[in-house]
Amino acid sequence: MVHRVRRAIGAHGSVDIVRGEPASCNGSIFTAQVAFPVRSVAAANAAIAAMQQEGHCSVADHNMSAFRIGGASKNGTSKKSKIEKAYDDDGEAHGGQRLLGFLTKQGACDVAV
């Protein structure tokens, strides 16, 4: 079952946050969330903060995150905007970096995970 909510992120408007079912692997439990649309670094950081306020995040050992913003064409032209991106491993070796790599491979933009 997928859980979807709309959350206000202060001056940056609001985002949809979608959370999937937890998955287990080698004794660890993983829960994924994605927030969209995020149109600025500040909005991405606010969306990540909103996701981390969820109850299941407070008991996690690590809350890795990543975002990619931009890449869309400007004003209908073929010139694309610069992609801004970042990640946080939160102590999990290369975890956030792998999240960012996945977003890049998928061509995802204007999202935070």
Foldseek 3Di string as FASTA:
>chain_A
DKDWDWDQLPPQGIWIKIKDDWDDDPRDIDIDIKIDQAADPSSLVSVLVVVCPDPVNVPDLFDKKKAWAWQDDPPPDPDTDDIDMDIDGRPPVCPRVVVHVVCVVVVHHRMMD
